[in-house]
Each structure stands twice: as C-alpha cells, then as structure tokens.
PDB file of all heavy atoms in Angstrom:
ATOM      1  N   GLY A   1      40.966 275.415 213.843  1.00  0.00           N
ATOM      2  CA  GLY A   1      39.955 275.928 213.033  1.00  0.00           C
ATOM      3  C   GLY A   1      40.458 276.943 212.015  1.00  0.00           C
ATOM      4  O   GLY A   1      39.620 277.450 211.170  1.00  0.00           O
ATOM      5  N   GLY A   2      41.681 277.325 212.014  1.00  0.00           N
ATOM      6  CA  GLY A   2      42.147 278.272 211.051  1.00  0.00           C
ATOM      7  C   GLY A   2      42.192 277.640 209.630  1.00  0.00           C
ATOM      8  O   GLY A   2      41.974 276.521 209.440  1.00  0.00           O
ATOM      9  N   GLY A   3      42.431 278.608 208.678  1.00  0.00           N
ATOM     10  CA  GLY A   3      42.486 278.214 207.348  1.00  0.00           C
ATOM     11  C   GLY A   3      42.448 279.293 206.311  1.00  0.00           C
ATOM     12  O   GLY A   3      42.556 280.443 206.728  1.00  0.00           O
ATOM     13  N   LEU A   4      42.229 278.863 205.024  1.00  0.00           N
ATOM     14  CA  LEU A   4      42.335 279.947 204.010  1.00  0.00           C
ATOM     15  C   LEU A   4      40.814 280.005 203.429  1.00  0.00           C
ATOM     16  O   LEU A   4      40.343 278.909 203.096  1.00  0.00           O
ATOM     17  CB  LEU A   4      43.241 279.496 202.807  1.00  0.00           C
ATOM     18  CG  LEU A   4      43.166 280.275 201.574  1.00  0.00           C
ATOM     19  CD1 LEU A   4      43.548 281.763 201.749  1.00  0.00           C
ATOM     20  CD2 LEU A   4      44.067 279.601 200.513  1.00  0.00           C
ATOM     21  N   VAL A   5      40.287 281.218 203.471  1.00  0.00           N
ATOM     22  CA  VAL A   5      38.972 281.394 202.926  1.00  0.00           C
ATOM     23  C   VAL A   5      38.864 282.693 202.085  1.00  0.00           C
ATOM     24  O   VAL A   5      39.818 283.435 202.066  1.00  0.00           O
ATOM     25  CB  VAL A   5      37.814 281.549 204.075  1.00  0.00           C
ATOM     26  CG1 VAL A   5      37.805 280.290 204.883  1.00  0.00           C
ATOM     27  CG2 VAL A   5      38.171 282.782 204.892  1.00  0.00           C
ATOM     28  N   GLN A   6      37.907 282.846 201.327  1.00  0.00           N
ATOM     29  CA  GLN A   6      37.736 284.046 200.526  1.00  0.00           C
ATOM     30  C   GLN A   6      36.915 285.073 201.345  1.00  0.00           C
ATOM     31  O   GLN A   6      36.189 284.720 202.209  1.00  0.00           O
ATOM     32  CB  GLN A   6      36.947 283.662 199.213  1.00  0.00           C
ATOM     33  CG  GLN A   6      37.793 282.752 198.282  1.00  0.00           C
ATOM     34  CD  GLN A   6      37.197 282.677 196.917  1.00  0.00           C
ATOM     35  OE1 GLN A   6      35.960 282.821 196.802  1.00  0.00           O
ATOM     36  NE2 GLN A   6      37.993 282.374 195.875  1.00  0.00           N
ATOM     37  N   ALA A   7      37.084 286.326 200.896  1.00  0.00           N
ATOM     38  CA  ALA A   7      36.353 287.321 201.547  1.00  0.00           C
ATOM     39  C   ALA A   7      34.883 287.126 201.520  1.00  0.00           C
ATOM     40  O   ALA A   7      34.334 286.578 200.471  1.00  0.00           O
ATOM     41  CB  ALA A   7      36.715 288.721 200.870  1.00  0.00           C
ATOM     42  N   GLY A   8      34.222 287.388 202.660  1.00  0.00           N
ATOM     43  CA  GLY A   8      32.733 287.134 202.673  1.00  0.00           C
ATOM     44  C   GLY A   8      32.390 285.785 203.332  1.00  0.00           C
ATOM     45  O   GLY A   8      31.235 285.567 203.659  1.00  0.00           O
ATOM     46  N   GLU A   9      33.401 284.892 203.363  1.00  0.00           N
ATOM     47  CA  GLU A   9      33.045 283.567 203.922  1.00  0.00           C
ATOM     48  C   GLU A   9      33.273 283.540 205.434  1.00  0.00           C
ATOM     49  O   GLU A   9      33.532 284.605 206.028  1.00  0.00           O
ATOM     50  CB  GLU A   9      33.977 282.561 203.267  1.00  0.00           C
ATOM     51  CG  GLU A   9      33.617 282.362 201.735  1.00  0.00           C
ATOM     52  CD  GLU A   9      34.509 281.324 201.148  1.00  0.00           C
ATOM     53  OE1 GLU A   9      35.579 280.862 201.639  1.00  0.00           O
ATOM     54  OE2 GLU A   9      34.227 280.704 200.014  1.00  0.00           O
ATOM     55  N   SER A  10      33.015 282.305 205.928  1.00  0.00           N
ATOM     56  CA  SER A  10      32.879 282.214 207.443  1.00  0.00           C
ATOM     57  C   SER A  10      33.998 281.124 207.912  1.00  0.00           C
ATOM     58  O   SER A  10      34.315 280.305 207.120  1.00  0.00           O
ATOM     59  CB  SER A  10      31.558 281.774 207.886  1.00  0.00           C
ATOM     60  OG  SER A  10      30.613 282.802 207.645  1.00  0.00           O
ATOM     61  N   LEU A  11      34.408 281.269 209.152  1.00  0.00           N
ATOM     62  CA  LEU A  11      35.286 280.316 209.816  1.00  0.00           C
ATOM     63  C   LEU A  11      34.865 280.240 211.194  1.00  0.00           C
ATOM     64  O   LEU A  11      34.415 281.214 211.785  1.00  0.00           O
ATOM     65  CB  LEU A  11      36.776 280.674 209.700  1.00  0.00           C
ATOM     66  CG  LEU A  11      37.623 280.184 208.476  1.00  0.00           C
ATOM     67  CD1 LEU A  11      39.045 280.695 208.633  1.00  0.00           C
ATOM     68  CD2 LEU A  11      37.610 278.670 208.356  1.00  0.00           C
ATOM     69  N   ARG A  12      35.166 279.094 211.826  1.00  0.00           N
ATOM     70  CA  ARG A  12      34.900 278.946 213.244  1.00  0.00           C
ATOM     71  C   ARG A  12      36.147 278.470 213.895  1.00  0.00           C
ATOM     72  O   ARG A  12      36.731 277.439 213.564  1.00  0.00           O
ATOM     73  CB  ARG A  12      33.715 277.938 213.476  1.00  0.00           C
ATOM     74  CG  ARG A  12      33.267 277.999 214.967  1.00  0.00           C
ATOM     75  CD  ARG A  12      32.097 277.007 215.126  1.00  0.00           C
ATOM     76  NE  ARG A  12      31.494 276.978 216.367  1.00  0.00           N
ATOM     77  CZ  ARG A  12      30.615 277.877 216.904  1.00  0.00           C
ATOM     78  NH1 ARG A  12      30.123 278.827 216.022  1.00  0.00           N
ATOM     79  NH2 ARG A  12      30.136 277.815 218.103  1.00  0.00           N
ATOM     80  N   LEU A  13      36.622 279.234 214.897  1.00  0.00           N
ATOM     81  CA  LEU A  13      37.819 278.859 215.568  1.00  0.00           C
ATOM     82  C   LEU A  13      37.413 278.207 217.054  1.00  0.00           C
ATOM     83  O   LEU A  13      36.302 278.693 217.674  1.00  0.00           O
ATOM     84  CB  LEU A  13      38.695 280.002 215.977  1.00  0.00           C
ATOM     85  CG  LEU A  13      39.170 280.783 214.670  1.00  0.00           C
ATOM     86  CD1 LEU A  13      40.095 281.884 215.241  1.00  0.00           C
ATOM     87  CD2 LEU A  13      39.880 279.859 213.702  1.00  0.00           C
ATOM     88  N   SER A  14      38.114 277.162 217.444  1.00  0.00           N
ATOM     89  CA  SER A  14      37.828 276.579 218.714  1.00  0.00           C
ATOM     90  C   SER A  14      39.030 276.555 219.583  1.00  0.00           C
ATOM     91  O   SER A  14      40.117 276.374 219.126  1.00  0.00           O
ATOM     92  CB  SER A  14      37.295 275.128 218.559  1.00  0.00           C
ATOM     93  OG  SER A  14      35.985 275.189 217.904  1.00  0.00           O
ATOM     94  N   CYS A  15      38.811 276.732 220.928  1.00  0.00           N
ATOM     95  CA  CYS A  15      39.861 276.689 221.836  1.00  0.00           C
ATOM     96  C   CYS A  15      39.537 275.835 223.044  1.00  0.00           C
ATOM     97  O   CYS A  15      38.493 276.068 223.664  1.00  0.00           O
ATOM     98  CB  CYS A  15      40.289 278.171 222.463  1.00  0.00           C
ATOM     99  SG  CYS A  15      41.504 278.129 223.732  1.00  0.00           S
ATOM    100  N   THR A  16      40.325 274.834 223.321  1.00  0.00           N
ATOM    101  CA  THR A  16      40.042 273.879 224.372  1.00  0.00           C
ATOM    102  C   THR A  16      41.110 274.170 225.543  1.00  0.00           C
ATOM    103  O   THR A  16      42.302 274.208 225.130  1.00  0.00           O
ATOM    104  CB  THR A  16      40.143 272.466 223.905  1.00  0.00           C
ATOM    105  OG1 THR A  16      39.158 272.212 222.838  1.00  0.00           O
ATOM    106  CG2 THR A  16      39.896 271.544 225.136  1.00  0.00           C
ATOM    107  N   ASN A  17      40.599 274.391 226.758  1.00  0.00           N
ATOM    108  CA  ASN A  17      41.482 274.641 227.841  1.00  0.00           C
ATOM    109  C   ASN A  17      41.667 273.349 228.572  1.00  0.00           C
ATOM    110  O   ASN A  17      40.685 272.565 228.855  1.00  0.00           O
ATOM    111  CB  ASN A  17      40.805 275.712 228.691  1.00  0.00           C
ATOM    112  CG  ASN A  17      41.684 276.220 229.794  1.00  0.00           C
ATOM    113  OD1 ASN A  17      42.663 275.489 230.251  1.00  0.00           O
ATOM    114  ND2 ASN A  17      41.459 277.409 230.131  1.00  0.00           N
ATOM    115  N   SER A  18      42.814 273.060 229.047  1.00  0.00           N
ATOM    116  CA  SER A  18      43.065 271.811 229.819  1.00  0.00           C
ATOM    117  C   SER A  18      42.570 271.848 231.148  1.00  0.00           C
ATOM    118  O   SER A  18      42.520 270.746 231.930  1.00  0.00           O
ATOM    119  CB  SER A  18      44.612 271.545 229.818  1.00  0.00           C
ATOM    120  OG  SER A  18      45.332 272.588 230.579  1.00  0.00           O
ATOM    121  N   LYS A  19      42.186 273.049 231.582  1.00  0.00           N
ATOM    122  CA  LYS A  19      41.606 273.258 232.867  1.00  0.00           C
ATOM    123  C   LYS A  19      40.231 273.847 232.726  1.00  0.00           C
ATOM    124  O   LYS A  19      39.804 274.251 231.631  1.00  0.00           O
ATOM    125  CB  LYS A  19      42.491 274.121 233.757  1.00  0.00           C
ATOM    126  CG  LYS A  19      43.883 273.625 234.151  1.00  0.00           C
ATOM    127  CD  LYS A  19      44.599 274.412 234.997  1.00  0.00           C
ATOM    128  CE  LYS A  19      45.992 273.773 235.379  1.00  0.00           C
ATOM    129  NZ  LYS A  19      46.708 274.623 236.342  1.00  0.00           N
ATOM    130  N   SER A  20      39.435 273.828 233.821  1.00  0.00           N
ATOM    131  CA  SER A  20      38.177 274.445 233.744  1.00  0.00           C
ATOM    132  C   SER A  20      38.120 275.850 233.325  1.00  0.00           C
ATOM    133  O   SER A  20      38.809 276.693 233.995  1.00  0.00           O
ATOM    134  CB  SER A  20      37.406 274.341 235.056  1.00  0.00           C
ATOM    135  OG  SER A  20      36.180 275.008 235.114  1.00  0.00           O
ATOM    136  N   ILE A  21      37.352 276.286 232.358  1.00  0.00           N
ATOM    137  CA  ILE A  21      37.393 277.656 231.906  1.00  0.00           C
ATOM    138  C   ILE A  21      36.713 278.468 232.946  1.00  0.00           C
ATOM    139  O   ILE A  21      36.847 279.703 233.017  1.00  0.00           O
ATOM    140  CB  ILE A  21      36.676 277.855 230.489  1.00  0.00           C
ATOM    141  CG1 ILE A  21      35.184 277.317 230.632  1.00  0.00           C
ATOM    142  CG2 ILE A  21      37.371 277.076 229.495  1.00  0.00           C
ATOM    143  CD1 ILE A  21      34.490 277.739 229.350  1.00  0.00           C
ATOM    144  N   ASP A  22      35.943 277.895 233.895  1.00  0.00           N
ATOM    145  CA  ASP A  22      35.289 278.700 234.993  1.00  0.00           C
ATOM    146  C   ASP A  22      36.380 279.175 235.985  1.00  0.00           C
ATOM    147  O   ASP A  22      35.946 279.898 236.896  1.00  0.00           O
ATOM    148  CB  ASP A  22      34.170 277.827 235.649  1.00  0.00           C
ATOM    149  CG  ASP A  22      32.988 277.585 234.733  1.00  0.00           C
ATOM    150  OD1 ASP A  22      32.850 278.419 233.787  1.00  0.00           O
ATOM    151  OD2 ASP A  22      32.297 276.616 234.913  1.00  0.00           O
ATOM    152  N   SER A  23      37.496 278.668 235.939  1.00  0.00           N
ATOM    153  CA  SER A  23      38.622 279.047 236.839  1.00  0.00           C
ATOM    154  C   SER A  23      39.236 280.345 236.394  1.00  0.00           C
ATOM    155  O   SER A  23      39.973 280.904 237.147  1.00  0.00           O
ATOM    156  CB  SER A  23      39.683 277.997 236.797  1.00  0.00           C
ATOM    157  OG  SER A  23      39.239 276.746 237.188  1.00  0.00           O
ATOM    158  N   TYR A  24      38.789 280.913 235.229  1.00  0.00           N
ATOM    159  CA  TYR A  24      39.426 282.073 234.665  1.00  0.00           C
ATOM    160  C   TYR A  24      38.392 283.199 234.556  1.00  0.00           C
ATOM    161  O   TYR A  24      37.268 283.064 234.449  1.00  0.00           O
ATOM    162  CB  TYR A  24      40.087 281.777 233.345  1.00  0.00           C
ATOM    163  CG  TYR A  24      41.087 280.784 233.359  1.00  0.00           C
ATOM    164  CD1 TYR A  24      40.669 279.404 233.252  1.00  0.00           C
ATOM    165  CD2 TYR A  24      42.425 281.059 233.559  1.00  0.00           C
ATOM    166  CE1 TYR A  24      41.826 278.387 233.251  1.00  0.00           C
ATOM    167  CE2 TYR A  24      43.399 280.149 233.590  1.00  0.00           C
ATOM    168  CZ  TYR A  24      43.051 278.832 233.468  1.00  0.00           C
ATOM    169  OH  TYR A  24      43.986 277.868 233.560  1.00  0.00           O
ATOM    170  N   ASN A  25      38.926 284.384 234.756  1.00  0.00           N
ATOM    171  CA  ASN A  25      38.007 285.653 234.667  1.00  0.00           C
ATOM    172  C   ASN A  25      37.465 285.773 233.374  1.00  0.00           C
ATOM    173  O   ASN A  25      36.317 286.233 233.220  1.00  0.00           O
ATOM    174  CB  ASN A  25      38.745 286.881 235.151  1.00  0.00           C
ATOM    175  CG  ASN A  25      39.233 286.760 236.606  1.00  0.00           C
ATOM    176  OD1 ASN A  25      40.469 286.549 236.826  1.00  0.00           O
ATOM    177  ND2 ASN A  25      38.385 286.849 237.551  1.00  0.00           N
ATOM    178  N   ALA A  26      38.240 285.400 232.373  1.00  0.00           N
ATOM    179  CA  ALA A  26      37.830 285.570 230.963  1.00  0.00           C
ATOM    180  C   ALA A  26      38.693 284.698 230.097  1.00  0.00           C
ATOM    181  O   ALA A  26      39.795 284.339 230.369  1.00  0.00           O
ATOM    182  CB  ALA A  26      37.917 287.017 230.499  1.00  0.00           C
ATOM    183  N   MET A  27      38.074 284.355 228.922  1.00  0.00           N
ATOM    184  CA  MET A  27      38.871 283.686 227.837  1.00  0.00           C
ATOM    185  C   MET A  27      38.522 284.407 226.544  1.00  0.00           C
ATOM    186  O   MET A  27      37.421 285.091 226.388  1.00  0.00           O
ATOM    187  CB  MET A  27      38.461 282.256 227.825  1.00  0.00           C
ATOM    188  CG  MET A  27      39.056 281.385 228.929  1.00  0.00           C
ATOM    189  SD  MET A  27      39.020 279.673 228.631  1.00  0.00           S
ATOM    190  CE  MET A  27      40.000 279.480 227.128  1.00  0.00           C
ATOM    191  N   GLY A  28      39.365 284.309 225.543  1.00  0.00           N
ATOM    192  CA  GLY A  28      39.036 284.805 224.291  1.00  0.00           C
ATOM    193  C   GLY A  28      40.095 284.721 223.413  1.00  0.00           C
ATOM    194  O   GLY A  28      41.002 283.880 223.395  1.00  0.00           O
ATOM    195  N   TRP A  29      40.060 285.593 222.332  1.00  0.00           N
ATOM    196  CA  TRP A  29      40.960 285.533 221.146  1.00  0.00           C
ATOM    197  C   TRP A  29      41.606 286.908 220.852  1.00  0.00           C
ATOM    198  O   TRP A  29      40.922 287.894 220.987  1.00  0.00           O
ATOM    199  CB  TRP A  29      40.130 285.108 220.007  1.00  0.00           C
ATOM    200  CG  TRP A  29      39.488 283.712 220.052  1.00  0.00           C
ATOM    201  CD1 TRP A  29      38.316 283.362 220.642  1.00  0.00           C
ATOM    202  CD2 TRP A  29      40.199 282.473 219.636  1.00  0.00           C
ATOM    203  NE1 TRP A  29      38.157 281.981 220.461  1.00  0.00           N
ATOM    204  CE2 TRP A  29      39.322 281.441 219.887  1.00  0.00           C
ATOM    205  CE3 TRP A  29      41.400 282.238 218.943  1.00  0.00           C
ATOM    206  CZ2 TRP A  29      39.609 280.216 219.569  1.00  0.00           C
ATOM    207  CZ3 TRP A  29      41.655 280.844 218.699  1.00  0.00           C
ATOM    208  CH2 TRP A  29      40.739 279.866 219.053  1.00  0.00           C
ATOM    209  N   TYR A  30      42.940 286.790 220.545  1.00  0.00           N
ATOM    210  CA  TYR A  30      43.618 287.948 220.034  1.00  0.00           C
ATOM    211  C   TYR A  30      44.187 287.532 218.660  1.00  0.00           C
ATOM    212  O   TYR A  30      44.203 286.312 218.281  1.00  0.00           O
ATOM    213  CB  TYR A  30      44.824 288.243 221.011  1.00  0.00           C
ATOM    214  CG  TYR A  30      44.433 288.827 222.240  1.00  0.00           C
ATOM    215  CD1 TYR A  30      43.769 287.974 223.272  1.00  0.00           C
ATOM    216  CD2 TYR A  30      44.644 290.073 222.663  1.00  0.00           C
ATOM    217  CE1 TYR A  30      43.395 288.548 224.445  1.00  0.00           C
ATOM    218  CE2 TYR A  30      44.311 290.608 223.899  1.00  0.00           C
ATOM    219  CZ  TYR A  30      43.678 289.807 224.830  1.00  0.00           C
ATOM    220  OH  TYR A  30      43.295 290.369 225.980  1.00  0.00           O
ATOM    221  N   ARG A  31      44.601 288.542 217.892  1.00  0.00           N
ATOM    222  CA  ARG A  31      45.176 288.200 216.574  1.00  0.00           C
ATOM    223  C   ARG A  31      46.323 289.266 216.345  1.00  0.00           C
ATOM    224  O   ARG A  31      46.412 290.321 216.878  1.00  0.00           O
ATOM    225  CB  ARG A  31      44.132 288.345 215.428  1.00  0.00           C
ATOM    226  CG  ARG A  31      43.695 289.728 215.164  1.00  0.00           C
ATOM    227  CD  ARG A  31      42.613 289.715 214.125  1.00  0.00           C
ATOM    228  NE  ARG A  31      42.031 291.142 213.819  1.00  0.00           N
ATOM    229  CZ  ARG A  31      40.989 291.374 213.173  1.00  0.00           C
ATOM    230  NH1 ARG A  31      40.326 290.298 212.711  1.00  0.00           N
ATOM    231  NH2 ARG A  31      40.600 292.562 212.910  1.00  0.00           N
ATOM    232  N   GLN A  32      47.217 288.669 215.427  1.00  0.00           N
ATOM    233  CA  GLN A  32      48.378 289.486 215.095  1.00  0.00           C
ATOM    234  C   GLN A  32      48.614 289.417 213.605  1.00  0.00           C
ATOM    235  O   GLN A  32      48.834 288.251 213.118  1.00  0.00           O
ATOM    236  CB  GLN A  32      49.563 289.066 215.840  1.00  0.00           C
ATOM    237  CG  GLN A  32      50.808 289.923 215.668  1.00  0.00           C
ATOM    238  CD  GLN A  32      51.826 289.709 216.690  1.00  0.00           C
ATOM    239  OE1 GLN A  32      51.900 288.734 217.319  1.00  0.00           O
ATOM    240  NE2 GLN A  32      52.723 290.721 216.892  1.00  0.00           N
ATOM    241  N   ALA A  33      48.508 290.456 212.963  1.00  0.00           N
ATOM    242  CA  ALA A  33      48.748 290.524 211.528  1.00  0.00           C
ATOM    243  C   ALA A  33      50.244 290.788 211.317  1.00  0.00           C
ATOM    244  O   ALA A  33      50.897 291.407 212.167  1.00  0.00           O
ATOM    245  CB  ALA A  33      47.946 291.486 210.829  1.00  0.00           C
ATOM    246  N   PRO A  34      50.858 290.420 210.106  1.00  0.00           N
ATOM    247  CA  PRO A  34      52.323 290.721 209.878  1.00  0.00           C
ATOM    248  C   PRO A  34      52.610 292.207 210.078  1.00  0.00           C
ATOM    249  O   PRO A  34      51.931 293.050 209.553  1.00  0.00           O
ATOM    250  CB  PRO A  34      52.535 290.343 208.434  1.00  0.00           C
ATOM    251  CG  PRO A  34      51.331 289.260 208.255  1.00  0.00           C
ATOM    252  CD  PRO A  34      50.248 289.695 209.004  1.00  0.00           C
ATOM    253  N   GLY A  35      53.638 292.543 210.950  1.00  0.00           N
ATOM    254  CA  GLY A  35      54.044 293.903 211.083  1.00  0.00           C
ATOM    255  C   GLY A  35      53.097 294.759 211.986  1.00  0.00           C
ATOM    256  O   GLY A  35      53.349 295.903 212.079  1.00  0.00           O
ATOM    257  N   LYS A  36      52.240 294.027 212.547  1.00  0.00           N
ATOM    258  CA  LYS A  36      51.322 294.810 213.502  1.00  0.00           C
ATOM    259  C   LYS A  36      51.232 294.279 214.919  1.00  0.00           C
ATOM    260  O   LYS A  36      51.570 293.108 215.087  1.00  0.00           O
ATOM    261  CB  LYS A  36      49.829 294.794 212.918  1.00  0.00           C
ATOM    262  CG  LYS A  36      49.794 295.494 211.570  1.00  0.00           C
ATOM    263  CD  LYS A  36      48.297 295.632 211.147  1.00  0.00           C
ATOM    264  CE  LYS A  36      48.018 296.420 209.878  1.00  0.00           C
ATOM    265  NZ  LYS A  36      46.542 296.511 209.611  1.00  0.00           N
ATOM    266  N   PRO A  37      50.962 295.029 215.896  1.00  0.00           N
ATOM    267  CA  PRO A  37      50.872 294.582 217.268  1.00  0.00           C
ATOM    268  C   PRO A  37      49.695 293.541 217.456  1.00  0.00           C
ATOM    269  O   PRO A  37      48.654 293.577 216.660  1.00  0.00           O
ATOM    270  CB  PRO A  37      50.716 295.776 218.120  1.00  0.00           C
ATOM    271  CG  PRO A  37      50.065 296.814 217.205  1.00  0.00           C
ATOM    272  CD  PRO A  37      50.531 296.485 215.874  1.00  0.00           C
TER     273      PRO A  37
END
C-alpha cells in the first residue's frame, strides 16, 4: 500500500500475517525516516 502522494492526501497500508493475528499480543506499524531511528 505504500506510494507517493501529495501533502494532505491519504494512503492505506495493509499487513497480512501468515499466522493468526489473534496469536499475538499486538500488531502494528513502525516507520523509519532517513537518518532517524
């Protein structure tokens, strides 16, 4: 779902797990910008 958009626009990311997501305490998203943690 990533891509190039302009400021103010929207994007939707999707993540599919090969196993049941109910097996995990949590799921989610992290990001990393250039030069940043």
